[in-house]
Every structure is written in C-alpha cells, then in structure tokens.
Amino acid sequence: MDPQARIQELAQRLHYLNTQYYQHDISEVSDQEFDTMLAELNTLEKAHPELALPNSPTQRVGGTVTKQFAQATHRYPMLSLGNTYSEDDLREFDERVQKGLEGAPYGYVCEQKFDGVAMSLAYENGNLHQGVTRGDGTRGDVVTANVRTIRTLPLHLHGPGAPAEVEVRGEVFMPNSVFNDLNQEREQNGEALLA
C-alpha cells in the first residue's frame, strides 16, 4: 500500500477508535494495538511530511471535551507521555536524554502505568478550587464536584508555606475490583458499560 493511502487509512481508523473510546466509553482494541497504529502513522508522517493530514491523530493529546460538563482552558497545555514497546525505542530515548543534559548526571524511576483520567487540580489559598480533565490537552471538562467525592484527595492543603496558587497534575484511577462493581451496577440499571 502506498504511504498516502496508508496514512489516510490509519488516520481514519484512529479517529474512529478515539471517538468510540472518548465519547462512547467503548474500547475496541487494546492500548498496545492502538499505540502500534499511532506509532506507524507517526513514522509515516515523519518520512512523508508532505502527506501528513492537518487533523491527524498524531497532533492530538487525550480525548475530547464532552457536552455534559463546562469546559476550562488549561493555563499550560497538558501533554501526554510517549509509549514504547521496544528496547530500541528506550535506547533512542536515553540518547536524547544524554544529549539534552550535556553530560550532567541523571537516573530513571520506573513505575507501573495506570490507565485512568489525566487530571489537573488547582488549589487557591490552600483550598481545592477546580478539577479539570486533560480533554484535548488545551481544554478539558470541569469535574470539580466529581473530584471532591474522592476520599483520598485533599480538599485543603495544610501546613506552613502552602503557596497561594498551585496546580497538581496526575492520574485519577480506581482499582479493578471497584471498576468491575461499578460496571455490574451499571449493567443492572440498564446503562452502558464503561471501557
């Protein structure tokens, strides 16, 4: 298949999968399968920049904002981490780090990947002011009321030296057992299951 046709095919498929996942909570492929298609598209676009589509899935971060919540613009874009599934990709990443740090010492910390919802929490004068999802990286859904129900999340920052304004970014997730219970409840209520 020629590069232009493959780019169009991958872009169309990835747009469809993004819509299913982010707007309908339907996951039709594994994360690895999705990431592999996205990586192939990215490689093709780098090799043939003149063929890259202006609305390519490689130019987006996260999902879309929904109509059921108010939206907010992030003060700074919420970017996404890259994925890798090969040792060669890790070596290339390490080479870029070495080059960027110009010989300064460095190390790595590895953690398990949690698949949840990327969240930005804004605190003002020590109080939780706003919770916003990543959305498209520039704008996200305001979910402050939902965030306030998370028992392990501090609604107030205590202690001396708390800044007047601070933004905390992270991933909101739940254990599989809680997620399965939620889906069971949704199924009993005739609601769509979450992906």
Protein backbone atom coordinates (compact mmCIF):
# COMPACT_ATOMS: atom_id res chain seq x y z
CA MET A 1 0.00 0.00 0.00
CA ASP A 2 1.37 3.42 -0.89
CA PRO A 3 2.21 5.80 2.00
CA GLN A 4 -0.60 8.27 1.26
CA ALA A 5 -3.27 5.57 1.28
CA ARG A 6 -1.85 4.01 4.46
CA ILE A 7 -1.72 7.40 6.22
CA GLN A 8 -5.36 8.03 5.31
CA GLU A 9 -6.39 4.52 6.39
CA LEU A 10 -4.60 4.78 9.75
CA ALA A 11 -5.89 8.31 10.42
CA GLN A 12 -9.47 7.26 9.68
CA ARG A 13 -9.22 4.15 11.87
CA LEU A 14 -7.60 6.04 14.76
CA HIS A 15 -10.19 8.83 14.60
CA TYR A 16 -12.93 6.20 14.77
CA LEU A 17 -11.29 4.42 17.73
CA ASN A 18 -10.78 7.74 19.56
CA THR A 19 -14.45 8.63 19.10
CA GLN A 20 -15.55 5.22 20.36
CA TYR A 21 -13.24 5.38 23.38
CA TYR A 22 -13.51 9.01 24.47
CA GLN A 23 -17.12 9.77 23.58
CA HIS A 24 -18.86 6.41 23.93
CA ASP A 25 -16.66 4.61 26.51
CA ILE A 26 -16.13 1.71 24.08
CA SER A 27 -12.67 0.17 23.76
CA GLU A 28 -12.50 -1.93 20.58
CA VAL A 29 -8.74 -2.61 20.61
CA SER A 30 -6.03 -2.98 23.25
CA ASP A 31 -3.92 0.02 24.24
CA GLN A 32 -0.90 -1.65 22.64
CA GLU A 33 -2.72 -2.22 19.34
CA PHE A 34 -3.86 1.42 19.30
CA ASP A 35 -0.36 2.67 20.17
CA THR A 36 1.17 0.49 17.43
CA MET A 37 -1.15 2.01 14.80
CA LEU A 38 -0.43 5.51 16.11
CA ALA A 39 3.34 4.86 16.03
CA GLU A 40 3.09 3.59 12.44
CA LEU A 41 1.19 6.72 11.44
CA ASN A 42 3.74 8.91 13.19
CA THR A 43 6.62 7.13 11.40
CA LEU A 44 4.92 7.52 8.02
CA GLU A 45 4.24 11.22 8.64
CA LYS A 46 7.88 11.83 9.60
CA ALA A 47 9.06 10.03 6.47
CA HIS A 48 6.50 11.87 4.29
CA PRO A 49 5.67 15.20 6.00
CA GLU A 50 4.01 16.47 2.83
CA LEU A 51 1.37 13.73 3.23
CA ALA A 52 0.53 14.46 6.89
CA LEU A 53 -3.09 15.42 7.37
CA PRO A 54 -3.84 18.65 9.27
CA ASN A 55 -6.28 16.84 11.57
CA SER A 56 -4.04 13.80 12.08
CA PRO A 57 -4.49 11.85 15.33
CA THR A 58 -0.74 12.35 15.90
CA GLN A 59 -1.44 16.04 16.52
CA ARG A 60 -3.84 15.43 19.40
CA VAL A 61 -3.38 14.64 23.07
CA GLY A 62 -6.01 12.78 25.08
CA GLY A 63 -9.66 12.90 24.12
CA THR A 64 -12.26 15.50 23.54
CA VAL A 65 -14.26 17.60 25.92
CA THR A 66 -17.84 16.49 26.44
CA LYS A 67 -21.04 18.47 26.23
CA GLN A 68 -22.28 17.45 29.68
CA PHE A 69 -19.64 19.47 31.58
CA ALA A 70 -18.48 23.07 31.43
CA GLN A 71 -15.04 23.48 29.87
CA ALA A 72 -11.92 25.26 31.06
CA THR A 73 -8.71 26.17 29.26
CA HIS A 74 -5.53 24.86 30.86
CA ARG A 75 -3.03 27.51 31.93
CA TYR A 76 -0.31 25.30 30.43
CA PRO A 77 -1.06 22.50 27.94
CA MET A 78 -1.50 19.04 29.46
CA LEU A 79 0.80 16.92 27.35
CA SER A 80 0.87 13.16 27.18
CA LEU A 81 3.78 10.80 27.76
CA GLY A 82 5.03 8.78 24.82
CA ASN A 83 4.77 5.00 24.73
CA THR A 84 7.35 2.42 23.79
CA TYR A 85 7.25 -1.31 23.34
CA SER A 86 10.82 -1.96 22.20
CA GLU A 87 14.33 -1.85 23.60
CA ASP A 88 15.49 0.19 20.58
CA ASP A 89 12.97 2.93 21.42
CA LEU A 90 14.27 3.02 25.01
CA ARG A 91 17.86 3.33 23.79
CA GLU A 92 16.90 6.19 21.44
CA PHE A 93 15.12 7.94 24.32
CA ASP A 94 18.20 7.55 26.53
CA GLU A 95 20.41 9.01 23.78
CA ARG A 96 18.14 12.07 23.55
CA VAL A 97 18.27 12.48 27.35
CA GLN A 98 22.07 12.25 27.38
CA LYS A 99 22.34 14.80 24.58
CA GLY A 100 19.86 17.17 26.23
CA LEU A 101 21.59 17.02 29.63
CA GLU A 102 25.03 17.59 28.10
CA GLY A 103 26.86 15.21 30.44
CA ALA A 104 25.02 16.07 33.66
CA PRO A 105 24.34 13.03 35.86
CA TYR A 106 20.86 11.54 35.68
CA GLY A 107 18.84 8.46 36.54
CA TYR A 108 15.45 6.94 35.89
CA VAL A 109 12.50 5.99 38.05
CA CYS A 110 10.15 3.41 36.57
CA GLU A 111 6.56 2.99 37.69
CA GLN A 112 3.63 0.87 36.63
CA LYS A 113 1.34 2.53 34.12
CA PHE A 114 -2.07 3.38 35.49
CA ASP A 115 -4.81 3.85 32.96
CA GLY A 116 -7.20 6.43 34.31
CA VAL A 117 -8.19 10.01 33.66
CA ALA A 118 -5.50 12.69 33.49
CA MET A 119 -6.48 15.47 35.89
CA SER A 120 -5.38 18.98 36.76
CA LEU A 121 -6.26 20.21 40.25
CA ALA A 122 -6.00 23.92 41.02
CA TYR A 123 -5.67 24.99 44.65
CA GLU A 124 -6.11 28.62 45.70
CA ASN A 125 -5.16 29.76 49.20
CA GLY A 126 -4.86 26.10 50.17
CA ASN A 127 -8.37 25.15 49.02
CA LEU A 128 -9.29 22.95 46.07
CA HIS A 129 -10.63 25.42 43.53
CA GLN A 130 -11.09 23.41 40.34
CA GLY A 131 -10.60 19.95 38.86
CA VAL A 132 -10.25 19.71 35.08
CA THR A 133 -9.68 16.65 32.86
CA ARG A 134 -6.94 16.66 30.20
CA GLY A 135 -9.54 16.82 27.44
CA ASP A 136 -7.74 17.67 24.21
CA GLY A 137 -4.66 18.96 26.04
CA THR A 138 -5.70 22.60 25.70
CA ARG A 139 -9.23 22.47 27.13
CA GLY A 140 -10.83 19.95 29.45
CA ASP A 141 -14.03 19.19 31.33
CA VAL A 142 -14.57 20.90 34.68
CA VAL A 143 -15.26 18.00 37.06
CA THR A 144 -14.69 19.69 40.41
CA ALA A 145 -17.82 18.24 42.02
CA ASN A 146 -16.80 14.73 40.93
CA VAL A 147 -13.24 15.18 42.20
CA ARG A 148 -14.50 16.30 45.61
CA THR A 149 -16.01 12.82 46.10
CA ILE A 150 -12.56 11.16 46.02
CA ARG A 151 -11.92 10.46 49.69
CA THR A 152 -8.13 10.23 49.39
CA LEU A 153 -7.83 13.60 47.67
CA PRO A 154 -7.17 16.57 49.97
CA LEU A 155 -9.71 19.37 49.69
CA HIS A 156 -7.43 21.65 51.74
CA LEU A 157 -3.65 21.91 51.79
CA HIS A 158 -2.35 22.15 55.35
CA GLY A 159 0.93 23.26 56.78
CA PRO A 160 3.12 26.31 56.63
CA GLY A 161 4.38 27.57 53.32
CA ALA A 162 1.48 26.41 51.16
CA PRO A 163 1.57 28.57 48.02
CA ALA A 164 -1.28 30.94 47.25
CA GLU A 165 -1.80 29.10 43.95
CA VAL A 166 -0.63 25.65 42.94
CA GLU A 167 -1.63 23.24 40.20
CA VAL A 168 -1.25 19.50 40.76
CA ARG A 169 -1.44 17.09 37.84
CA GLY A 170 -1.87 13.35 37.97
CA GLU A 171 -4.00 10.37 37.05
CA VAL A 172 -7.33 9.54 38.68
CA PHE A 173 -7.99 5.81 38.69
CA MET A 174 -9.82 3.13 40.64
CA PRO A 175 -8.90 -0.47 41.47
CA ASN A 176 -10.20 -3.11 39.04
CA SER A 177 -12.48 -4.55 41.72
CA VAL A 178 -14.22 -1.18 42.21
CA PHE A 179 -14.42 -0.67 38.44
CA ASN A 180 -15.98 -4.13 37.99
CA ASP A 181 -18.50 -3.41 40.76
CA LEU A 182 -19.39 -0.13 39.05
CA ASN A 183 -19.93 -1.88 35.72
CA GLN A 184 -22.06 -4.56 37.39
CA GLU A 185 -24.23 -1.84 38.92
CA ARG A 186 -24.50 -0.07 35.55
CA GLU A 187 -25.48 -3.34 33.86
CA GLN A 188 -28.21 -3.96 36.45
CA ASN A 189 -29.52 -0.44 35.80
CA GLY A 190 -29.52 -0.97 32.02
CA GLU A 191 -26.72 1.56 31.49
CA ALA A 192 -23.84 1.26 29.03
CA LEU A 193 -20.75 -0.42 30.45
CA LEU A 194 -17.58 1.60 30.85
CA ALA A 195 -14.42 0.65 28.95
